[in-house]
Each structure stands twice: as C-alpha cells, then as structure tokens.
C-alpha atoms as a PDB file:
ATOM      1  CA  MET A   1    -151.508-249.669-256.723  1.00  0.00           C
ATOM      2  CA  GLN A   2    -150.629-247.128-254.702  1.00  0.00           C
ATOM      3  CA  ILE A   3    -148.377-248.107-251.482  1.00  0.00           C
ATOM      4  CA  LYS A   4    -148.691-245.938-248.130  1.00  0.00           C
ATOM      5  CA  GLN A   5    -145.238-244.814-247.130  1.00  0.00           C
ATOM      6  CA  LEU A   6    -144.779-243.159-243.628  1.00  0.00           C
ATOM      7  CA  SER A   7    -142.463-239.881-243.464  1.00  0.00           C
ATOM      8  CA  VAL A   8    -141.174-239.510-240.001  1.00  0.00           C
ATOM      9  CA  PHE A   9    -139.316-236.321-238.768  1.00  0.00           C
ATOM     10  CA  VAL A  10    -136.209-237.132-237.319  1.00  0.00           C
ATOM     11  CA  GLU A  11    -134.219-234.475-235.229  1.00  0.00           C
ATOM     12  CA  ASN A  12    -130.351-235.216-235.841  1.00  0.00           C
ATOM     13  CA  LYS A  13    -129.384-236.754-232.387  1.00  0.00           C
ATOM     14  CA  SER A  14    -127.796-239.980-231.379  1.00  0.00           C
ATOM     15  CA  GLY A  15    -130.272-242.516-230.681  1.00  0.00           C
ATOM     16  CA  ARG A  16    -133.381-241.407-232.417  1.00  0.00           C
ATOM     17  CA  LEU A  17    -133.508-243.655-235.079  1.00  0.00           C
ATOM     18  CA  ALA A  18    -133.057-246.531-232.416  1.00  0.00           C
ATOM     19  CA  GLU A  19    -136.026-244.985-230.852  1.00  0.00           C
ATOM     20  CA  ILE A  20    -138.178-244.945-233.969  1.00  0.00           C
ATOM     21  CA  THR A  21    -137.322-248.627-234.675  1.00  0.00           C
ATOM     22  CA  GLU A  22    -137.832-249.533-231.471  1.00  0.00           C
ATOM     23  CA  THR A  23    -141.272-248.399-231.445  1.00  0.00           C
ATOM     24  CA  LEU A  24    -142.312-250.205-234.727  1.00  0.00           C
ATOM     25  CA  ALA A  25    -140.735-253.360-233.201  1.00  0.00           C
ATOM     26  CA  LYS A  26    -142.925-253.004-229.896  1.00  0.00           C
ATOM     27  CA  ALA A  27    -145.742-252.519-232.220  1.00  0.00           C
ATOM     28  CA  ASN A  28    -144.808-255.702-234.396  1.00  0.00           C
ATOM     29  CA  VAL A  29    -144.553-253.539-237.523  1.00  0.00           C
ATOM     30  CA  ASP A  30    -141.811-255.125-240.057  1.00  0.00           C
ATOM     31  CA  ILE A  31    -140.027-252.570-242.091  1.00  0.00           C
ATOM     32  CA  ARG A  32    -139.839-253.529-245.960  1.00  0.00           C
ATOM     33  CA  ALA A  33    -137.858-250.412-247.083  1.00  0.00           C
ATOM     34  CA  ILE A  34    -136.023-247.406-245.481  1.00  0.00           C
ATOM     35  CA  SER A  35    -134.346-244.197-246.704  1.00  0.00           C
ATOM     36  CA  ILE A  36    -133.102-241.071-245.134  1.00  0.00           C
ATOM     37  CA  ALA A  37    -132.519-237.641-246.177  1.00  0.00           C
ATOM     38  CA  ASP A  38    -130.980-235.327-243.553  1.00  0.00           C
ATOM     39  CA  THR A  39    -129.781-231.772-243.097  1.00  0.00           C
ATOM     40  CA  SER A  40    -127.280-230.763-239.888  1.00  0.00           C
ATOM     41  CA  ASP A  41    -130.680-230.473-237.841  1.00  0.00           C
ATOM     42  CA  PHE A  42    -133.303-232.883-238.904  1.00  0.00           C
ATOM     43  CA  GLY A  43    -134.110-235.615-241.418  1.00  0.00           C
ATOM     44  CA  ILE A  44    -136.874-237.252-243.074  1.00  0.00           C
ATOM     45  CA  LEU A  45    -137.037-240.915-242.360  1.00  0.00           C
ATOM     46  CA  ARG A  46    -139.354-242.857-245.273  1.00  0.00           C
ATOM     47  CA  LEU A  47    -140.404-246.292-244.742  1.00  0.00           C
ATOM     48  CA  ILE A  48    -142.305-248.808-246.295  1.00  0.00           C
ATOM     49  CA  VAL A  49    -143.946-251.111-243.704  1.00  0.00           C
ATOM     50  CA  ASP A  50    -146.149-254.076-243.328  1.00  0.00           C
ATOM     51  CA  ARG A  51    -148.675-252.317-241.395  1.00  0.00           C
ATOM     52  CA  PRO A  52    -148.799-248.635-242.082  1.00  0.00           C
ATOM     53  CA  GLU A  53    -151.598-247.622-239.739  1.00  0.00           C
ATOM     54  CA  ALA A  54    -150.210-249.575-236.880  1.00  0.00           C
ATOM     55  CA  ALA A  55    -146.861-247.620-237.393  1.00  0.00           C
ATOM     56  CA  VAL A  56    -148.561-244.378-237.636  1.00  0.00           C
ATOM     57  CA  GLU A  57    -150.387-244.962-234.216  1.00  0.00           C
ATOM     58  CA  ALA A  58    -147.296-246.308-232.419  1.00  0.00           C
ATOM     59  CA  LEU A  59    -145.192-243.413-233.442  1.00  0.00           C
ATOM     60  CA  ARG A  60    -147.878-240.911-232.862  1.00  0.00           C
ATOM     61  CA  LYS A  61    -148.345-242.354-229.202  1.00  0.00           C
ATOM     62  CA  GLU A  62    -144.474-241.659-228.673  1.00  0.00           C
ATOM     63  CA  ASN A  63    -145.147-237.945-229.828  1.00  0.00           C
ATOM     64  CA  MET A  64    -143.410-238.515-233.130  1.00  0.00           C
ATOM     65  CA  THR A  65    -144.119-236.545-235.977  1.00  0.00           C
ATOM     66  CA  VAL A  66    -145.391-238.626-238.702  1.00  0.00           C
ATOM     67  CA  SER A  67    -147.313-238.597-242.323  1.00  0.00           C
ATOM     68  CA  LEU A  68    -148.569-241.050-244.649  1.00  0.00           C
ATOM     69  CA  THR A  69    -148.132-240.204-248.273  1.00  0.00           C
ATOM     70  CA  THR A  70    -148.535-242.552-251.401  1.00  0.00           C
ATOM     71  CA  VAL A  71    -145.910-243.723-253.554  1.00  0.00           C
ATOM     72  CA  ILE A  72    -145.762-246.330-256.404  1.00  0.00           C
ATOM     73  CA  ALA A  73    -143.534-249.380-256.716  1.00  0.00           C
ATOM     74  CA  ILE A  74    -142.196-250.785-259.769  1.00  0.00           C
ATOM     75  CA  GLY A  75    -140.755-254.462-260.449  1.00  0.00           C
ATOM     76  CA  ILE A  76    -138.006-254.295-262.858  1.00  0.00           C
ATOM     77  CA  THR A  77    -135.500-257.100-264.044  1.00  0.00           C
ATOM     78  CA  ASP A  78    -132.202-256.752-262.410  1.00  0.00           C
ATOM     79  CA  GLN A  79    -130.111-256.058-265.570  1.00  0.00           C
ATOM     80  CA  PRO A  80    -128.599-253.217-267.287  1.00  0.00           C
ATOM     81  CA  GLY A  81    -131.357-250.704-269.097  1.00  0.00           C
ATOM     82  CA  GLU A  82    -134.156-251.747-267.470  1.00  0.00           C
ATOM     83  CA  PHE A  83    -134.398-248.932-264.739  1.00  0.00           C
ATOM     84  CA  ALA A  84    -133.584-246.736-267.812  1.00  0.00           C
ATOM     85  CA  LYS A  85    -136.560-247.780-269.593  1.00  0.00           C
ATOM     86  CA  ALA A  86    -138.764-247.107-267.159  1.00  0.00           C
ATOM     87  CA  MET A  87    -137.387-243.693-266.277  1.00  0.00           C
ATOM     88  CA  ARG A  88    -137.748-242.806-270.015  1.00  0.00           C
ATOM     89  CA  VAL A  89    -141.208-243.969-269.914  1.00  0.00           C
ATOM     90  CA  LEU A  90    -142.020-241.263-267.294  1.00  0.00           C
ATOM     91  CA  ALA A  91    -140.004-238.453-268.890  1.00  0.00           C
ATOM     92  CA  ASP A  92    -141.795-238.963-271.933  1.00  0.00           C
ATOM     93  CA  ALA A  93    -145.201-238.825-270.123  1.00  0.00           C
ATOM     94  CA  SER A  94    -143.917-235.707-268.271  1.00  0.00           C
ATOM     95  CA  VAL A  95    -144.198-237.264-265.015  1.00  0.00           C
ATOM     96  CA  GLY A  96    -141.678-235.559-262.611  1.00  0.00           C
ATOM     97  CA  ILE A  97    -140.199-237.724-259.946  1.00  0.00           C
ATOM     98  CA  GLU A  98    -139.715-236.017-256.310  1.00  0.00           C
ATOM     99  CA  TYR A  99    -137.869-238.889-255.099  1.00  0.00           C
ATOM    100  CA  MET A 100    -137.165-242.536-255.144  1.00  0.00           C
ATOM    101  CA  TYR A 101    -135.347-245.564-253.478  1.00  0.00           C
ATOM    102  CA  ALA A 102    -134.890-248.929-254.252  1.00  0.00           C
ATOM    103  CA  PHE A 103    -134.152-252.609-253.076  1.00  0.00           C
ATOM    104  CA  ILE A 104    -133.093-255.616-254.786  1.00  0.00           C
ATOM    105  CA  SER A 105    -134.253-259.292-254.735  1.00  0.00           C
ATOM    106  CA  ARG A 106    -131.878-261.610-255.595  1.00  0.00           C
ATOM    107  CA  ASP A 107    -134.191-264.187-255.023  1.00  0.00           C
ATOM    108  CA  LYS A 108    -136.614-263.233-257.904  1.00  0.00           C
ATOM    109  CA  ASN A 109    -133.666-261.698-260.031  1.00  0.00           C
ATOM    110  CA  LYS A 110    -135.643-258.443-259.770  1.00  0.00           C
ATOM    111  CA  ALA A 111    -135.096-254.872-258.417  1.00  0.00           C
ATOM    112  CA  TYR A 112    -137.925-252.969-256.720  1.00  0.00           C
ATOM    113  CA  VAL A 113    -138.152-249.228-257.097  1.00  0.00           C
ATOM    114  CA  LEU A 114    -140.452-246.875-254.669  1.00  0.00           C
ATOM    115  CA  LEU A 115    -141.310-243.511-256.627  1.00  0.00           C
ATOM    116  CA  ARG A 116    -142.709-240.523-255.544  1.00  0.00           C
ATOM    117  CA  VAL A 117    -144.162-239.000-258.217  1.00  0.00           C
ATOM    118  CA  ASP A 118    -146.357-235.871-258.965  1.00  0.00           C
ATOM    119  CA  ASP A 119    -149.010-237.942-260.613  1.00  0.00           C
ATOM    120  CA  ASN A 120    -149.284-241.399-259.354  1.00  0.00           C
ATOM    121  CA  ASN A 121    -151.898-242.461-261.572  1.00  0.00           C
ATOM    122  CA  ARG A 122    -150.503-241.190-265.032  1.00  0.00           C
ATOM    123  CA  ALA A 123    -147.211-242.912-263.990  1.00  0.00           C
ATOM    124  CA  VAL A 124    -149.087-246.111-263.392  1.00  0.00           C
ATOM    125  CA  GLU A 125    -150.852-246.076-266.676  1.00  0.00           C
ATOM    126  CA  CYS A 126    -147.784-245.144-268.673  1.00  0.00           C
ATOM    127  CA  LEU A 127    -145.612-247.646-266.989  1.00  0.00           C
ATOM    128  CA  GLN A 128    -148.106-250.482-267.460  1.00  0.00           C
ATOM    129  CA  ALA A 129    -148.815-249.514-270.701  1.00  0.00           C
ATOM    130  CA  ALA A 130    -144.999-249.922-271.307  1.00  0.00           C
ATOM    131  CA  GLY A 131    -144.902-253.376-269.795  1.00  0.00           C
ATOM    132  CA  ILE A 132    -143.342-252.394-266.425  1.00  0.00           C
ATOM    133  CA  GLU A 133    -144.589-254.303-263.543  1.00  0.00           C
ATOM    134  CA  ILE A 134    -146.411-252.165-261.149  1.00  0.00           C
ATOM    135  CA  LEU A 135    -146.536-253.876-257.474  1.00  0.00           C
ATOM    136  CA  THR A 136    -149.704-253.614-255.221  1.00  0.00           C
ATOM    137  CA  ALA A 137    -149.230-252.751-251.445  1.00  0.00           C
ATOM    138  CA  GLU A 138    -149.842-256.499-250.567  1.00  0.00           C
ATOM    139  CA  GLU A 139    -146.969-257.651-252.594  1.00  0.00           C
ATOM    140  CA  ILE A 140    -144.554-255.090-250.977  1.00  0.00           C
ATOM    141  CA  HIS A 141    -145.976-255.723-247.686  1.00  0.00           C
ATOM    142  CA  GLY A 142    -145.582-259.598-248.350  1.00  0.00           C
ATOM    143  CA  MET A 143    -141.978-259.489-249.197  1.00  0.00           C
END
C-alpha cells in the first residue's frame, strides 16, 4: 500500500524541467502526479510515475540526482469535509505529515492525496480503521 515516489534534485535554471520530463518520456515513463518545491538556487521535484524503477534508471543515466521514497495515497470523496476527516484521523493518531500533494478525478468524483508521513504503517492502519480508502501502487500507476 506504499507508493514509490521519485525525488529529483533540480537546479533552478531555465530548461531543467524540460530535460527531466523529456528523459522520462524517452524512457516511456508516464507521470501520474507531480509537485515541486523550490528555493532561489534549487528545487526538489516529486513525481509519481507508472514505472518508478525505469524512471530512476533513465534519470541516473543522464547524471541526474534522484532518490526513491515511499508515500501513501488516499482516496476521498470530492466533497467538503472529507479531507478534514482524514487529517483529523492522522492528528488524533499523532502521525506527522511532512508534505502532501493532491489531484482530483472528476470521472470518479474522487480526490486523491499523496502523503509523506513519519509513520506509513501507523497512518495506513488508522486511516483504514476510519474507513478512508488507501490506494495501492497499481491503482495509482493505472490512473
């Protein structure tokens, strides 16, 4: 139930995101979710892709700094209060959230949130107990 996320070090210079995404395209890797956090000098590009190991291999062949970390993904009904419910479950279980990013699927009337937490197993256990959908890597990769 844990999703492999790529974290790519990105120099803050024109064209760098194009290079990274072109490298993934050439490796036939499809991006499912993307987020970037930056400073004036560099950024960390976080990606969920359909083939994480192939992506890492392709990026490293181009001398890019990339690592794999695990995140969890939840699916919540796309309506007010559902996200708050999930956040309350984690807060009540003392699970810390390091960062998150989300995307919405209007086809399924769902919102999907990728979470990097300090205890994946505890987070999954508490969220499932509260009836919150936990997505598998296969479900995310197949979207």
